[in-house]
Amino acid sequence: MKDLTTDDATIEWLGVRYKTILTPEDSGGSMSIVDSLSPVWSGPPRHIHHNEDETFVMISGTCKVWIEGIETIAGPGESIFIPRGKEHGFKVTGDEPSRHLVILTPGGFEGFFQDMADGKFQIPEDMPAVEVSATKHKMTFTGPPLD
């Protein structure tokens, strides 16, 4: 896999680098795959995807993944499946960034990451704008990031 730090197609939001490596157009809408590089201690607020199942395939680093009250630690070579409609969040732990693939079925949610990068939105300062895009992409924020 290419290094996300040097790829022109890579976008960045809040220190996380994203590159869509399979678009919904490439899959007839059935899925998308995003290559993500997240710094240590990063992670989104808890949220729910109402339209997509989400699968994390860990390449490097370690993440604490919380799904409706159950915490799991995932490292290289492991996968985590998050069914649509389940409240969840994750936080990068350990001493190195986490590189993971995010597989979204069906595809389309990767547009949220593009919206965030384009707007250079900050959390919590720009939450109203972030929530507009979240609503457009059928996601609801439900709580703070993981501790």
C-alpha atoms as a PDB file:
ATOM      1  CA  MET A   1       0.000   0.000   0.000  1.00  0.00           C
ATOM      2  CA  LYS A   2       1.156   3.534  -0.695  1.00  0.00           C
ATOM      3  CA  ASP A   3       2.219   5.835   2.089  1.00  0.00           C
ATOM      4  CA  LEU A   4      -0.703   8.139   2.881  1.00  0.00           C
ATOM      5  CA  THR A   5       1.658  10.982   3.736  1.00  0.00           C
ATOM      6  CA  THR A   6       2.752  11.476   0.119  1.00  0.00           C
ATOM      7  CA  ASP A   7      -0.316  10.624  -1.956  1.00  0.00           C
ATOM      8  CA  ASP A   8      -2.007  13.526  -3.787  1.00  0.00           C
ATOM      9  CA  ALA A   9      -5.454  11.862  -3.544  1.00  0.00           C
ATOM     10  CA  THR A  10      -5.277  11.809   0.258  1.00  0.00           C
ATOM     11  CA  ILE A  11      -7.388  14.265   2.240  1.00  0.00           C
ATOM     12  CA  GLU A  12      -6.825  15.305   5.858  1.00  0.00           C
ATOM     13  CA  TRP A  13      -9.208  16.262   8.642  1.00  0.00           C
ATOM     14  CA  LEU A  14      -8.219  16.776  12.300  1.00  0.00           C
ATOM     15  CA  GLY A  15      -4.880  15.070  11.701  1.00  0.00           C
ATOM     16  CA  VAL A  16      -6.425  11.948  10.155  1.00  0.00           C
ATOM     17  CA  ARG A  17      -5.504  11.121   6.566  1.00  0.00           C
ATOM     18  CA  TYR A  18      -8.111   9.464   4.338  1.00  0.00           C
ATOM     19  CA  LYS A  19      -7.837   8.015   0.859  1.00  0.00           C
ATOM     20  CA  THR A  20     -10.815   6.383  -0.823  1.00  0.00           C
ATOM     21  CA  ILE A  21      -9.400   3.362  -2.611  1.00  0.00           C
ATOM     22  CA  LEU A  22     -12.745   1.933  -3.803  1.00  0.00           C
ATOM     23  CA  THR A  23     -15.552   4.359  -4.605  1.00  0.00           C
ATOM     24  CA  PRO A  24     -19.267   3.583  -4.657  1.00  0.00           C
ATOM     25  CA  GLU A  25     -19.118   4.244  -8.400  1.00  0.00           C
ATOM     26  CA  ASP A  26     -16.504   1.489  -8.746  1.00  0.00           C
ATOM     27  CA  SER A  27     -18.721  -0.995  -6.879  1.00  0.00           C
ATOM     28  CA  GLY A  28     -22.134  -0.148  -8.288  1.00  0.00           C
ATOM     29  CA  GLY A  29     -22.906   1.564  -4.957  1.00  0.00           C
ATOM     30  CA  SER A  30     -22.548  -1.619  -2.930  1.00  0.00           C
ATOM     31  CA  MET A  31     -19.462  -0.541  -0.964  1.00  0.00           C
ATOM     32  CA  SER A  32     -16.555   1.832  -0.526  1.00  0.00           C
ATOM     33  CA  ILE A  33     -13.152   1.342   1.059  1.00  0.00           C
ATOM     34  CA  VAL A  34     -11.217   4.128   2.756  1.00  0.00           C
ATOM     35  CA  ASP A  35      -7.558   3.801   3.765  1.00  0.00           C
ATOM     36  CA  SER A  36      -7.163   5.769   6.999  1.00  0.00           C
ATOM     37  CA  LEU A  37      -4.126   6.836   9.013  1.00  0.00           C
ATOM     38  CA  SER A  38      -5.140   8.131  12.461  1.00  0.00           C
ATOM     39  CA  PRO A  39      -2.748   9.671  15.004  1.00  0.00           C
ATOM     40  CA  VAL A  40      -2.385   8.344  18.540  1.00  0.00           C
ATOM     41  CA  TRP A  41      -5.282   9.354  20.817  1.00  0.00           C
ATOM     42  CA  SER A  42      -7.499  10.402  17.899  1.00  0.00           C
ATOM     43  CA  GLY A  43     -11.035   9.159  17.489  1.00  0.00           C
ATOM     44  CA  PRO A  44     -14.493  10.468  16.656  1.00  0.00           C
ATOM     45  CA  PRO A  45     -17.356  11.264  19.015  1.00  0.00           C
ATOM     46  CA  ARG A  46     -19.669   8.299  19.589  1.00  0.00           C
ATOM     47  CA  HIS A  47     -22.100   7.988  16.716  1.00  0.00           C
ATOM     48  CA  ILE A  48     -24.506   5.810  14.730  1.00  0.00           C
ATOM     49  CA  HIS A  49     -24.451   5.105  10.990  1.00  0.00           C
ATOM     50  CA  HIS A  50     -28.075   4.592   9.974  1.00  0.00           C
ATOM     51  CA  ASN A  51     -27.325   3.406   6.429  1.00  0.00           C
ATOM     52  CA  GLU A  52     -23.961   1.594   6.450  1.00  0.00           C
ATOM     53  CA  ASP A  53     -22.343  -1.399   8.046  1.00  0.00           C
ATOM     54  CA  GLU A  54     -18.728  -0.517   8.872  1.00  0.00           C
ATOM     55  CA  THR A  55     -15.757  -2.870   9.030  1.00  0.00           C
ATOM     56  CA  PHE A  56     -12.299  -1.887  10.292  1.00  0.00           C
ATOM     57  CA  VAL A  57      -9.379  -3.954   8.993  1.00  0.00           C
ATOM     58  CA  MET A  58      -6.365  -3.108  11.148  1.00  0.00           C
ATOM     59  CA  ILE A  59      -3.032  -2.765   9.357  1.00  0.00           C
ATOM     60  CA  SER A  60      -0.889  -1.120  12.050  1.00  0.00           C
ATOM     61  CA  GLY A  61      -1.310   0.430  15.466  1.00  0.00           C
ATOM     62  CA  THR A  62      -3.973  -0.355  18.041  1.00  0.00           C
ATOM     63  CA  CYS A  63      -7.522   0.918  18.507  1.00  0.00           C
ATOM     64  CA  LYS A  64      -9.950   0.661  21.377  1.00  0.00           C
ATOM     65  CA  VAL A  65     -13.341   0.097  19.742  1.00  0.00           C
ATOM     66  CA  TRP A  66     -16.547   0.647  21.719  1.00  0.00           C
ATOM     67  CA  ILE A  67     -19.814  -0.808  20.366  1.00  0.00           C
ATOM     68  CA  GLU A  68     -22.881  -0.208  22.541  1.00  0.00           C
ATOM     69  CA  GLY A  69     -20.961  -0.519  25.803  1.00  0.00           C
ATOM     70  CA  ILE A  70     -18.615  -3.341  24.824  1.00  0.00           C
ATOM     71  CA  GLU A  71     -14.936  -2.423  24.402  1.00  0.00           C
ATOM     72  CA  THR A  72     -12.515  -4.385  22.244  1.00  0.00           C
ATOM     73  CA  ILE A  73      -8.846  -3.768  21.546  1.00  0.00           C
ATOM     74  CA  ALA A  74      -7.941  -4.384  17.903  1.00  0.00           C
ATOM     75  CA  GLY A  75      -4.449  -4.581  16.449  1.00  0.00           C
ATOM     76  CA  PRO A  76      -2.727  -5.486  13.191  1.00  0.00           C
ATOM     77  CA  GLY A  77      -4.357  -8.347  11.311  1.00  0.00           C
ATOM     78  CA  GLU A  78      -7.663  -8.044  13.192  1.00  0.00           C
ATOM     79  CA  SER A  79     -11.042  -6.848  11.956  1.00  0.00           C
ATOM     80  CA  ILE A  80     -14.002  -5.278  13.720  1.00  0.00           C
ATOM     81  CA  PHE A  81     -17.530  -5.343  12.252  1.00  0.00           C
ATOM     82  CA  ILE A  82     -19.988  -2.618  13.291  1.00  0.00           C
ATOM     83  CA  PRO A  83     -23.556  -3.222  12.082  1.00  0.00           C
ATOM     84  CA  ARG A  84     -25.546  -0.211  10.933  1.00  0.00           C
ATOM     85  CA  GLY A  85     -27.704   1.270  13.681  1.00  0.00           C
ATOM     86  CA  LYS A  86     -25.222   0.421  16.477  1.00  0.00           C
ATOM     87  CA  GLU A  87     -23.776   3.227  18.593  1.00  0.00           C
ATOM     88  CA  HIS A  88     -19.989   3.099  18.446  1.00  0.00           C
ATOM     89  CA  GLY A  89     -16.693   4.945  18.592  1.00  0.00           C
ATOM     90  CA  PHE A  90     -12.988   4.249  18.584  1.00  0.00           C
ATOM     91  CA  LYS A  91      -9.769   5.739  19.893  1.00  0.00           C
ATOM     92  CA  VAL A  92      -6.217   5.060  18.743  1.00  0.00           C
ATOM     93  CA  THR A  93      -4.182   3.772  21.684  1.00  0.00           C
ATOM     94  CA  GLY A  94      -0.573   2.752  22.149  1.00  0.00           C
ATOM     95  CA  ASP A  95       2.407   4.661  20.839  1.00  0.00           C
ATOM     96  CA  GLU A  96       1.968   4.568  17.068  1.00  0.00           C
ATOM     97  CA  PRO A  97      -0.685   5.781  14.606  1.00  0.00           C
ATOM     98  CA  SER A  98      -3.341   3.362  13.443  1.00  0.00           C
ATOM     99  CA  ARG A  99      -3.565   2.516   9.788  1.00  0.00           C
ATOM    100  CA  HIS A 100      -6.777   0.744   8.964  1.00  0.00           C
ATOM    101  CA  LEU A 101      -9.147   0.168   6.105  1.00  0.00           C
ATOM    102  CA  VAL A 102     -12.713   1.306   6.650  1.00  0.00           C
ATOM    103  CA  ILE A 103     -15.103  -0.772   4.548  1.00  0.00           C
ATOM    104  CA  LEU A 104     -18.546   0.785   4.212  1.00  0.00           C
ATOM    105  CA  THR A 105     -21.526  -1.173   2.880  1.00  0.00           C
ATOM    106  CA  PRO A 106     -23.259   0.319   1.020  1.00  0.00           C
ATOM    107  CA  GLY A 107     -20.814   2.982  -0.117  1.00  0.00           C
ATOM    108  CA  GLY A 108     -21.320   6.723   0.123  1.00  0.00           C
ATOM    109  CA  PHE A 109     -20.388   7.748   3.644  1.00  0.00           C
ATOM    110  CA  GLU A 110     -16.834   8.604   2.577  1.00  0.00           C
ATOM    111  CA  GLY A 111     -18.383  11.868   1.322  1.00  0.00           C
ATOM    112  CA  PHE A 112     -18.603  12.948   4.972  1.00  0.00           C
ATOM    113  CA  PHE A 113     -14.802  12.863   5.262  1.00  0.00           C
ATOM    114  CA  GLN A 114     -14.525  14.975   2.097  1.00  0.00           C
ATOM    115  CA  ASP A 115     -17.029  17.506   3.485  1.00  0.00           C
ATOM    116  CA  MET A 116     -15.028  17.766   6.714  1.00  0.00           C
ATOM    117  CA  ALA A 117     -11.694  18.190   4.923  1.00  0.00           C
ATOM    118  CA  ASP A 118     -13.135  20.776   2.524  1.00  0.00           C
ATOM    119  CA  GLY A 119     -14.661  22.788   5.395  1.00  0.00           C
ATOM    120  CA  LYS A 120     -11.662  22.331   7.710  1.00  0.00           C
ATOM    121  CA  PHE A 121     -14.204  21.925  10.506  1.00  0.00           C
ATOM    122  CA  GLN A 122     -13.089  21.597  14.131  1.00  0.00           C
ATOM    123  CA  ILE A 123     -14.769  19.646  16.926  1.00  0.00           C
ATOM    124  CA  PRO A 124     -16.453  20.942  19.085  1.00  0.00           C
ATOM    125  CA  GLU A 125     -16.231  24.490  17.665  1.00  0.00           C
ATOM    126  CA  ASP A 126     -17.926  23.718  14.335  1.00  0.00           C
ATOM    127  CA  MET A 127     -20.382  21.018  15.482  1.00  0.00           C
ATOM    128  CA  PRO A 128     -23.416  22.683  13.823  1.00  0.00           C
ATOM    129  CA  ALA A 129     -21.705  22.448  10.398  1.00  0.00           C
ATOM    130  CA  VAL A 130     -20.389  18.948  11.166  1.00  0.00           C
ATOM    131  CA  GLU A 131     -23.915  17.828  12.094  1.00  0.00           C
ATOM    132  CA  VAL A 132     -25.339  19.185   8.821  1.00  0.00           C
ATOM    133  CA  SER A 133     -23.007  16.883   6.887  1.00  0.00           C
ATOM    134  CA  ALA A 134     -23.639  14.022   9.317  1.00  0.00           C
ATOM    135  CA  THR A 135     -27.392  14.327   8.711  1.00  0.00           C
ATOM    136  CA  LYS A 136     -26.803  14.381   4.935  1.00  0.00           C
ATOM    137  CA  HIS A 137     -24.794  11.159   5.306  1.00  0.00           C
ATOM    138  CA  LYS A 138     -27.325   9.521   7.669  1.00  0.00           C
ATOM    139  CA  MET A 139     -25.179   9.650  10.789  1.00  0.00           C
ATOM    140  CA  THR A 140     -26.131  10.825  14.274  1.00  0.00           C
ATOM    141  CA  PHE A 141     -23.643  11.882  16.968  1.00  0.00           C
ATOM    142  CA  THR A 142     -24.603  10.386  20.330  1.00  0.00           C
ATOM    143  CA  GLY A 143     -21.857  11.297  22.787  1.00  0.00           C
ATOM    144  CA  PRO A 144     -18.286  12.424  23.364  1.00  0.00           C
ATOM    145  CA  PRO A 145     -15.167  10.684  22.073  1.00  0.00           C
ATOM    146  CA  LEU A 146     -13.912   7.711  24.096  1.00  0.00           C
ATOM    147  CA  ASP A 147     -11.670   8.391  27.096  1.00  0.00           C
END
